N, C-alpha and C. Protein backbone atom coordinates (compact mmCIF):
# COMPACT_ATOMS: atom_id res chain seq x y z
N MET A 1 139.69 129.13 104.09
CA MET A 1 139.21 128.14 105.16
C MET A 1 138.00 127.25 103.97
N VAL A 2 137.05 128.15 103.43
CA VAL A 2 136.21 127.50 102.68
C VAL A 2 136.77 126.81 101.69
N VAL A 3 137.74 127.47 100.96
CA VAL A 3 138.33 126.98 99.90
C VAL A 3 139.01 125.26 100.21
N LYS A 4 139.76 125.55 101.41
CA LYS A 4 140.60 124.34 101.69
C LYS A 4 139.27 123.21 101.88
N LEU A 5 138.10 123.48 102.53
CA LEU A 5 137.08 122.79 102.75
C LEU A 5 136.62 121.96 101.55
N PHE A 6 136.37 123.02 100.53
CA PHE A 6 135.64 122.63 99.40
C PHE A 6 136.78 121.56 98.52
N GLY A 7 138.19 121.97 98.48
CA GLY A 7 138.97 120.98 97.93
C GLY A 7 139.18 119.78 98.61
N ALA A 8 139.13 119.34 100.02
CA ALA A 8 138.95 118.24 100.47
C ALA A 8 137.69 117.53 100.21
N MET A 9 136.40 118.24 100.28
CA MET A 9 135.41 117.48 99.84
C MET A 9 135.68 116.91 98.27
N LEU A 10 136.19 117.90 97.20
CA LEU A 10 136.61 117.45 95.83
C LEU A 10 137.40 116.12 95.79
N VAL A 11 138.29 116.16 96.89
CA VAL A 11 139.39 115.08 96.85
C VAL A 11 138.52 113.69 97.32
N VAL A 12 137.77 114.04 98.37
CA VAL A 12 137.24 112.68 98.89
C VAL A 12 136.03 112.09 97.77
N LEU A 13 135.54 113.13 97.13
CA LEU A 13 134.43 112.92 96.17
C LEU A 13 135.05 112.08 94.84
N ALA A 14 136.05 112.70 94.29
CA ALA A 14 136.85 112.01 93.26
C ALA A 14 137.35 110.61 93.61
N SER A 15 137.91 110.19 94.88
CA SER A 15 138.38 109.12 95.06
C SER A 15 137.12 108.02 95.18
N TRP A 16 135.93 108.58 95.86
CA TRP A 16 134.78 107.86 95.95
C TRP A 16 134.35 107.32 94.74
N LEU A 17 134.34 108.44 93.47
CA LEU A 17 133.72 108.19 92.29
C LEU A 17 134.65 106.89 91.72
N ALA A 18 136.03 107.10 91.90
CA ALA A 18 136.92 106.13 91.45
C ALA A 18 136.83 104.66 92.00
N GLY A 19 136.59 104.72 93.17
CA GLY A 19 136.42 103.42 93.75
C GLY A 19 134.76 102.69 93.17
N ASN A 20 133.99 103.70 93.16
CA ASN A 20 132.42 103.16 92.32
C ASN A 20 132.92 102.72 90.98
N ALA A 21 133.69 103.56 90.21
CA ALA A 21 133.96 102.96 88.91
C ALA A 21 134.53 101.64 88.61
N ILE A 22 135.53 101.22 89.81
CA ILE A 22 136.02 100.19 89.88
C ILE A 22 135.00 99.19 90.12
N ALA A 23 134.30 99.20 91.38
CA ALA A 23 133.12 98.55 91.78
C ALA A 23 132.25 98.10 90.85
N GLY A 24 131.81 99.05 90.01
CA GLY A 24 130.83 99.06 88.91
C GLY A 24 131.49 98.05 87.60
N ASN A 25 132.46 98.16 87.50
CA ASN A 25 133.22 97.30 86.57
C ASN A 25 133.19 95.78 86.78
N LEU A 26 133.59 95.46 88.06
CA LEU A 26 133.60 94.12 88.51
C LEU A 26 131.91 93.71 88.38
N GLN A 27 130.83 94.57 88.66
CA GLN A 27 129.60 94.06 88.53
C GLN A 27 129.16 94.01 87.18
N ARG A 28 129.70 94.94 86.34
CA ARG A 28 129.35 94.83 84.72
C ARG A 28 130.05 93.57 84.23
N ARG A 29 131.03 92.99 84.72
CA ARG A 29 131.62 91.65 84.10
C ARG A 29 130.60 90.64 84.68
N VAL A 30 129.95 90.66 85.65
CA VAL A 30 129.12 89.65 85.95
C VAL A 30 127.90 89.63 84.93
N GLN A 31 127.38 90.73 84.63
CA GLN A 31 126.28 90.96 83.67
C GLN A 31 126.83 90.61 82.26
N GLU A 32 127.90 90.99 81.90
CA GLU A 32 128.42 90.56 80.48
C GLU A 32 128.46 88.91 80.33
N LEU A 33 128.99 88.53 81.36
CA LEU A 33 129.22 86.99 81.47
C LEU A 33 127.86 86.45 81.32
N ARG A 34 126.71 86.82 82.09
CA ARG A 34 125.50 86.44 81.94
C ARG A 34 124.94 86.28 80.60
N SER A 35 125.42 87.77 80.03
CA SER A 35 124.61 87.67 78.86
C SER A 35 125.36 87.07 77.77
N ILE A 36 126.42 86.80 77.87
CA ILE A 36 127.12 86.00 76.72
C ILE A 36 126.89 84.53 76.77
N ARG A 37 126.61 84.23 78.15
CA ARG A 37 126.14 82.66 78.03
C ARG A 37 124.69 82.51 77.53
N ARG A 38 123.84 83.44 77.70
CA ARG A 38 122.45 83.39 77.06
C ARG A 38 122.72 83.56 75.60
N CYS A 39 123.73 84.50 75.05
CA CYS A 39 123.61 84.33 73.72
C CYS A 39 124.21 83.16 73.09
N PHE A 40 125.14 82.54 73.92
CA PHE A 40 125.74 81.15 73.41
C PHE A 40 124.59 80.22 73.34
N ALA A 41 123.86 80.20 74.15
CA ALA A 41 122.36 79.10 74.36
C ALA A 41 121.74 79.43 73.02
N LEU A 42 121.37 80.51 72.84
CA LEU A 42 120.74 81.10 71.69
C LEU A 42 121.33 80.50 70.31
N LEU A 43 122.87 80.67 70.40
CA LEU A 43 123.39 80.38 69.22
C LEU A 43 123.50 78.78 68.92
N GLU A 44 123.40 78.07 70.25
CA GLU A 44 123.45 76.48 70.04
C GLU A 44 121.99 76.04 69.66
N THR A 45 121.11 77.06 69.83
CA THR A 45 119.57 76.53 69.44
C THR A 45 119.54 76.95 67.99
N GLU A 46 120.17 78.02 67.49
CA GLU A 46 120.27 78.35 65.98
C GLU A 46 121.03 77.11 65.26
N ILE A 47 122.16 76.73 65.57
CA ILE A 47 122.97 75.89 65.07
C ILE A 47 122.36 74.57 64.87
N SER A 48 121.88 73.99 66.17
CA SER A 48 121.34 72.77 66.24
C SER A 48 119.98 72.27 65.73
N TYR A 49 119.13 73.33 66.09
CA TYR A 49 117.76 73.00 65.76
C TYR A 49 116.79 73.65 64.36
N ALA A 50 117.60 75.02 64.30
CA ALA A 50 117.22 75.69 63.09
C ALA A 50 118.11 75.41 61.97
N ALA A 51 119.15 74.95 62.26
CA ALA A 51 120.27 75.03 61.17
C ALA A 51 120.33 76.05 60.20
N THR A 52 120.56 77.13 61.38
CA THR A 52 120.63 78.55 60.53
C THR A 52 121.91 78.79 60.05
N PRO A 53 122.56 79.46 58.87
CA PRO A 53 123.92 79.19 58.73
C PRO A 53 124.60 80.46 59.59
N LEU A 54 125.64 80.56 59.74
CA LEU A 54 126.35 81.01 61.12
C LEU A 54 126.29 82.64 60.88
N PRO A 55 126.36 83.28 59.93
CA PRO A 55 125.97 84.69 59.56
C PRO A 55 124.81 85.20 60.08
N GLU A 56 123.76 84.40 59.71
CA GLU A 56 122.29 84.56 60.23
C GLU A 56 122.05 84.48 61.81
N ALA A 57 122.84 83.33 62.37
CA ALA A 57 122.77 83.05 63.41
C ALA A 57 123.39 84.07 64.35
N PHE A 58 124.47 84.45 63.97
CA PHE A 58 125.28 85.54 64.80
C PHE A 58 124.23 87.02 64.71
N LEU A 59 123.68 87.11 63.47
CA LEU A 59 122.63 88.26 63.65
C LEU A 59 121.55 88.16 64.39
N ARG A 60 120.93 86.93 64.64
CA ARG A 60 119.84 86.85 65.34
C ARG A 60 120.30 87.16 66.98
N VAL A 61 121.32 86.46 67.19
CA VAL A 61 122.13 86.18 68.39
C VAL A 61 122.34 87.88 68.79
N ALA A 62 122.63 88.54 68.01
CA ALA A 62 123.06 90.18 68.51
C ALA A 62 121.86 90.75 68.65
N ARG A 63 120.73 90.53 68.21
CA ARG A 63 119.62 91.29 68.23
C ARG A 63 119.29 91.33 69.71
N GLY A 64 119.50 90.45 70.24
CA GLY A 64 118.52 90.52 71.65
C GLY A 64 119.71 90.74 72.98
N SER A 65 121.00 91.08 72.57
CA SER A 65 122.06 91.16 73.60
C SER A 65 122.45 92.35 73.81
N PRO A 66 122.95 92.98 74.95
CA PRO A 66 123.57 94.14 75.27
C PRO A 66 124.47 94.71 74.22
N PRO A 67 124.77 95.93 74.11
CA PRO A 67 125.62 96.43 73.18
C PRO A 67 126.96 96.00 72.79
N GLN A 68 127.75 95.76 74.17
CA GLN A 68 129.03 95.26 74.25
C GLN A 68 129.21 93.68 73.57
N ILE A 69 128.09 93.25 74.09
CA ILE A 69 127.99 91.78 73.55
C ILE A 69 127.55 91.60 72.12
N SER A 70 126.61 92.47 71.59
CA SER A 70 125.97 92.48 70.48
C SER A 70 127.26 92.72 69.57
N ALA A 71 128.03 93.61 69.66
CA ALA A 71 129.24 94.18 68.92
C ALA A 71 130.03 92.73 68.48
N ILE A 72 130.15 92.14 69.59
CA ILE A 72 131.11 90.62 69.17
C ILE A 72 130.34 89.86 68.24
N PHE A 73 129.13 89.83 68.15
CA PHE A 73 128.28 88.97 67.23
C PHE A 73 128.20 89.73 65.82
N THR A 74 127.90 90.78 65.68
CA THR A 74 127.36 91.69 64.73
C THR A 74 129.05 91.80 63.87
N GLY A 75 130.27 92.16 64.40
CA GLY A 75 131.30 92.44 63.79
C GLY A 75 131.72 90.85 63.42
N ALA A 76 131.44 89.89 64.03
CA ALA A 76 132.03 88.60 63.36
C ALA A 76 130.85 88.27 62.14
N ARG A 77 129.63 88.56 62.23
CA ARG A 77 129.05 88.54 61.02
C ARG A 77 129.30 89.32 59.94
N GLU A 78 129.65 90.60 60.01
CA GLU A 78 130.16 91.64 59.26
C GLU A 78 131.25 90.83 58.33
N LEU A 79 131.98 90.59 59.14
CA LEU A 79 133.70 89.92 58.40
C LEU A 79 133.06 88.72 57.84
N LEU A 80 132.32 87.73 58.15
CA LEU A 80 131.90 86.59 57.47
C LEU A 80 130.93 87.00 56.02
N VAL A 81 130.27 87.91 56.05
CA VAL A 81 129.62 88.24 54.94
C VAL A 81 130.29 89.10 54.08
N SER A 82 131.55 89.62 54.43
CA SER A 82 132.32 90.83 53.53
C SER A 82 133.01 89.85 52.62
N SER A 83 133.28 90.40 51.61
CA SER A 83 134.09 89.81 50.34
C SER A 83 135.64 89.49 50.59
N GLN A 84 136.14 89.71 51.90
CA GLN A 84 137.41 89.43 52.22
C GLN A 84 137.84 87.84 52.34
N GLY A 85 136.69 87.12 52.57
CA GLY A 85 137.19 85.57 52.49
C GLY A 85 137.64 85.01 54.10
N TYR A 86 137.13 85.92 54.86
CA TYR A 86 137.49 85.44 56.47
C TYR A 86 136.80 83.87 56.85
N THR A 87 137.53 83.05 57.35
CA THR A 87 136.89 81.87 58.14
C THR A 87 135.87 82.57 59.31
N ALA A 88 135.03 81.36 59.73
CA ALA A 88 134.24 81.86 60.80
C ALA A 88 135.11 81.93 62.04
N GLY A 89 136.04 81.25 62.28
CA GLY A 89 137.23 81.51 63.29
C GLY A 89 138.01 82.76 63.32
N GLU A 90 138.43 83.13 62.00
CA GLU A 90 139.05 84.33 61.82
C GLU A 90 138.34 85.52 62.26
N ALA A 91 137.25 85.59 61.72
CA ALA A 91 136.21 86.65 61.84
C ALA A 91 135.79 86.76 63.31
N TRP A 92 135.83 85.66 64.29
CA TRP A 92 135.43 85.71 65.64
C TRP A 92 136.79 86.18 66.30
N GLU A 93 137.90 85.71 66.13
CA GLU A 93 138.86 86.26 66.62
C GLU A 93 139.49 87.81 66.31
N LEU A 94 139.18 88.03 65.12
CA LEU A 94 139.28 89.62 64.64
C LEU A 94 138.24 90.32 65.57
N THR A 95 137.00 89.77 65.60
CA THR A 95 136.15 90.91 66.39
C THR A 95 136.43 90.97 67.72
N LEU A 96 136.83 89.68 68.40
CA LEU A 96 136.97 89.75 69.80
C LEU A 96 138.17 90.83 70.10
N ASP A 97 139.26 90.82 69.12
CA ASP A 97 140.38 91.98 69.15
C ASP A 97 140.06 93.25 69.15
N LYS A 98 139.02 93.66 68.36
CA LYS A 98 138.53 94.81 68.07
C LYS A 98 137.36 95.28 69.32
N THR A 99 136.44 94.45 69.84
CA THR A 99 135.70 94.78 70.95
C THR A 99 136.00 94.42 72.16
N TYR A 100 137.23 93.69 72.70
CA TYR A 100 137.47 93.05 73.99
C TYR A 100 137.65 94.46 74.98
N GLU A 101 138.44 95.59 74.35
CA GLU A 101 138.62 96.41 75.30
C GLU A 101 137.34 97.23 75.59
N PHE A 102 136.11 96.99 75.00
CA PHE A 102 135.07 97.86 75.46
C PHE A 102 133.99 97.08 76.31
N THR A 103 134.74 95.71 76.63
CA THR A 103 133.93 95.10 77.71
C THR A 103 134.68 95.23 79.09
N ALA A 104 133.84 94.53 80.26
CA ALA A 104 134.44 94.43 81.45
C ALA A 104 135.06 93.25 81.76
N MET A 105 135.05 92.02 80.71
CA MET A 105 135.39 90.93 80.59
C MET A 105 137.30 90.65 80.94
N ASP A 106 137.64 89.89 81.51
CA ASP A 106 139.37 89.93 81.83
C ASP A 106 139.78 89.05 80.87
N LEU A 107 141.23 88.63 80.80
CA LEU A 107 141.86 87.85 80.00
C LEU A 107 141.46 86.41 79.95
N GLY A 108 141.06 85.74 80.99
CA GLY A 108 140.80 84.28 81.02
C GLY A 108 139.26 84.20 80.15
N ASP A 109 138.55 85.49 80.51
CA ASP A 109 137.31 85.46 79.84
C ASP A 109 137.44 85.29 78.19
N ARG A 110 138.28 86.09 77.84
CA ARG A 110 138.57 86.31 76.41
C ARG A 110 139.16 85.02 76.01
N GLU A 111 139.98 84.35 76.92
CA GLU A 111 140.62 83.38 76.15
C GLU A 111 139.70 81.78 76.16
N ILE A 112 138.86 81.82 77.00
CA ILE A 112 137.55 80.90 76.76
C ILE A 112 136.79 81.35 75.44
N LEU A 113 136.33 82.67 75.02
CA LEU A 113 135.83 82.87 73.89
C LEU A 113 136.46 82.90 72.70
N GLU A 114 137.99 83.09 72.64
CA GLU A 114 138.80 82.94 71.51
C GLU A 114 138.98 81.32 71.34
N SER A 115 138.87 80.44 72.34
CA SER A 115 138.94 79.03 72.18
C SER A 115 137.64 78.45 71.21
N LEU A 116 136.63 79.14 71.36
CA LEU A 116 135.45 78.65 70.55
C LEU A 116 135.80 78.91 69.04
N GLY A 117 136.33 79.98 68.88
CA GLY A 117 136.62 80.47 67.49
C GLY A 117 136.98 79.50 66.46
N GLN A 118 137.97 78.57 66.88
CA GLN A 118 138.68 77.49 66.20
C GLN A 118 137.45 76.45 65.59
N PHE A 119 136.52 76.34 66.50
CA PHE A 119 135.36 75.51 66.03
C PHE A 119 134.15 75.89 65.15
N LEU A 120 134.22 77.17 65.35
CA LEU A 120 133.06 77.76 64.51
C LEU A 120 133.04 77.60 63.20
N GLY A 121 132.34 76.68 62.43
CA GLY A 121 132.21 76.68 61.12
C GLY A 121 133.20 76.01 60.46
N ALA A 122 134.08 75.34 61.24
CA ALA A 122 135.20 74.47 60.91
C ALA A 122 134.97 72.95 60.96
N SER A 123 133.70 72.85 62.00
CA SER A 123 133.25 71.30 62.00
C SER A 123 131.89 71.06 61.97
N ASP A 124 131.31 69.92 62.09
CA ASP A 124 129.83 69.49 61.85
C ASP A 124 129.31 70.36 63.08
N ARG A 125 127.88 70.14 62.74
CA ARG A 125 126.82 70.82 63.78
C ARG A 125 127.11 70.31 65.14
N ASP A 126 127.14 69.23 65.28
CA ASP A 126 127.04 68.52 66.72
C ASP A 126 128.28 68.85 67.33
N ASP A 127 129.54 68.76 66.61
CA ASP A 127 130.79 69.32 67.25
C ASP A 127 130.66 70.62 67.65
N GLN A 128 130.14 71.68 66.67
CA GLN A 128 130.07 72.95 67.03
C GLN A 128 129.42 73.18 68.44
N VAL A 129 128.02 72.52 68.43
CA VAL A 129 127.06 72.45 69.73
C VAL A 129 127.83 71.88 70.93
N ARG A 130 128.82 70.77 70.89
CA ARG A 130 129.26 70.40 72.06
C ARG A 130 130.75 71.51 72.49
N HIS A 131 131.11 72.12 71.49
CA HIS A 131 131.99 73.29 72.06
C HIS A 131 131.32 74.30 72.55
N ILE A 132 130.26 74.68 72.04
CA ILE A 132 129.55 75.85 72.60
C ILE A 132 128.83 75.59 73.99
N ARG A 133 128.64 74.44 74.26
CA ARG A 133 128.39 73.89 75.61
C ARG A 133 129.21 74.12 76.57
N LEU A 134 130.36 73.45 76.13
CA LEU A 134 131.79 73.43 77.03
C LEU A 134 132.22 74.97 77.27
N VAL A 135 131.95 75.84 76.32
CA VAL A 135 132.46 77.24 76.77
C VAL A 135 131.17 77.64 77.46
N CYS A 136 129.82 77.44 77.51
CA CYS A 136 128.79 78.07 78.49
C CYS A 136 129.28 77.31 79.70
N GLU A 137 129.89 76.36 79.98
CA GLU A 137 130.16 75.57 81.35
C GLU A 137 131.21 76.31 82.01
N GLN A 138 132.22 76.81 81.06
CA GLN A 138 133.32 77.38 81.51
C GLN A 138 133.05 78.80 81.89
N LEU A 139 132.17 79.35 81.08
CA LEU A 139 131.79 80.97 81.53
C LEU A 139 130.83 81.09 82.75
N ARG A 140 129.99 79.65 83.09
CA ARG A 140 129.47 79.72 84.33
C ARG A 140 130.34 79.63 85.37
N ASP A 141 131.17 78.84 85.41
CA ASP A 141 132.41 78.85 86.37
C ASP A 141 132.88 80.11 86.59
N ARG A 142 133.25 80.90 85.58
CA ARG A 142 133.87 82.17 85.78
C ARG A 142 132.83 82.96 86.43
N GLU A 143 131.65 83.12 85.85
CA GLU A 143 130.62 83.87 86.18
C GLU A 143 130.44 83.87 87.88
N ALA A 144 130.28 82.57 88.29
CA ALA A 144 130.40 82.34 89.86
C ALA A 144 131.47 83.05 90.52
N ARG A 145 132.65 82.84 89.86
CA ARG A 145 133.81 83.53 90.61
C ARG A 145 133.75 84.90 90.52
N ALA A 146 133.09 85.48 89.46
CA ALA A 146 133.14 87.04 89.26
C ALA A 146 132.09 87.50 90.16
N VAL A 147 131.00 86.75 90.58
CA VAL A 147 129.92 87.17 91.44
C VAL A 147 130.57 87.32 92.81
N GLU A 148 131.30 86.33 93.39
CA GLU A 148 132.20 86.45 94.70
C GLU A 148 132.95 87.76 94.48
N GLU A 149 133.84 87.78 93.47
CA GLU A 149 134.66 88.92 93.43
C GLU A 149 134.11 90.16 93.38
N ALA A 150 132.79 90.44 92.90
CA ALA A 150 132.16 91.73 92.75
C ALA A 150 131.71 91.92 94.02
N GLU A 151 131.06 90.93 94.67
CA GLU A 151 130.57 91.00 96.37
C GLU A 151 131.66 91.76 97.32
N LYS A 152 132.74 90.85 97.15
CA LYS A 152 133.94 91.35 98.02
C LYS A 152 134.66 92.55 97.60
N GLY A 153 134.88 92.50 96.29
CA GLY A 153 135.67 93.50 95.66
C GLY A 153 135.03 95.08 95.75
N ALA A 154 133.63 94.79 95.36
CA ALA A 154 133.18 96.24 95.17
C ALA A 154 133.03 96.78 96.62
N ARG A 155 132.58 96.24 97.81
CA ARG A 155 132.59 96.87 98.89
C ARG A 155 134.02 97.51 99.22
N MET A 156 135.05 96.54 99.05
CA MET A 156 136.45 96.78 99.36
C MET A 156 136.86 97.97 98.62
N TRP A 157 136.67 97.94 97.29
CA TRP A 157 137.08 99.07 96.51
C TRP A 157 136.57 100.56 96.95
N ARG A 158 135.33 100.42 97.48
CA ARG A 158 134.35 101.79 97.81
C ARG A 158 135.27 102.08 99.07
N PHE A 159 135.11 101.15 100.07
CA PHE A 159 135.88 101.66 101.45
C PHE A 159 137.37 102.27 101.31
N LEU A 160 138.26 101.39 100.40
CA LEU A 160 139.67 101.71 100.07
C LEU A 160 139.87 103.16 99.67
N ALA A 161 138.94 103.33 98.49
CA ALA A 161 138.90 104.57 98.09
C ALA A 161 138.68 105.78 98.55
N ILE A 162 137.60 105.63 99.80
CA ILE A 162 137.39 106.73 100.56
C ILE A 162 138.29 107.05 101.51
N GLY A 163 139.05 105.94 102.04
CA GLY A 163 139.91 105.85 102.85
C GLY A 163 141.00 106.60 102.57
N ALA A 164 141.49 106.09 101.27
CA ALA A 164 142.63 106.92 100.35
C ALA A 164 142.50 108.24 100.13
N GLY A 165 141.04 108.79 99.83
CA GLY A 165 140.79 110.30 99.87
C GLY A 165 140.88 110.61 101.18
N LEU A 166 140.45 110.32 102.21
CA LEU A 166 140.69 110.79 103.46
C LEU A 166 141.99 110.95 103.88
N ILE A 167 142.88 109.77 103.71
CA ILE A 167 144.29 110.05 103.98
C ILE A 167 144.81 111.11 102.95
N LEU A 168 144.69 111.18 102.14
CA LEU A 168 145.14 112.36 101.12
C LEU A 168 144.80 113.59 101.75
N VAL A 169 143.53 113.80 102.02
CA VAL A 169 143.09 115.27 102.44
C VAL A 169 144.00 115.75 103.62
N LEU A 170 144.14 114.43 104.85
CA LEU A 170 144.82 114.72 105.83
C LEU A 170 146.36 115.21 105.60
N LEU A 171 147.06 114.30 104.36
CA LEU A 171 148.50 114.60 104.19
C LEU A 171 148.55 116.15 103.49
N LEU A 172 147.54 116.57 102.78
CA LEU A 172 147.50 117.77 102.07
C LEU A 172 147.33 119.13 103.01
N TYR A 173 146.67 118.96 104.15
CA TYR A 173 146.01 120.03 105.00
C TYR A 173 146.55 119.75 106.59
């Protein structure tokens, strides 16, 4: 009897943890979208006012950002300064390919980030700044939707997971 009770508690606990993991991922996406918007604001400043070369701007942006976001800018910088001859757009896209799976961002977020790559280093300063601002606006919209999804989805996933765990316990015992 004690073993069955302990097993039932483990099933409910495991399902609750799974629900919390999914809910946490929804909330992490919101934080990452905010962070990357701040990074782009800093990148805009580095490009437009300081006229910082792109590799140095990427490094400065990466210094104050969370690890998942920092990896994007650091990786793009490393590819730019390597002797392999990557353009800024190629470095940006290759880095997104490598780092995307370690973020909580979804496919739509990635597409917005990829769209910026074709303009980085390929156009004049004003055009790059204009595209960075456009990406920031698009990310702001995605962030607002992500906040709504996180509020509704987090609660739903937690309750759904606990309910699924309890149903599983009832089916097993």
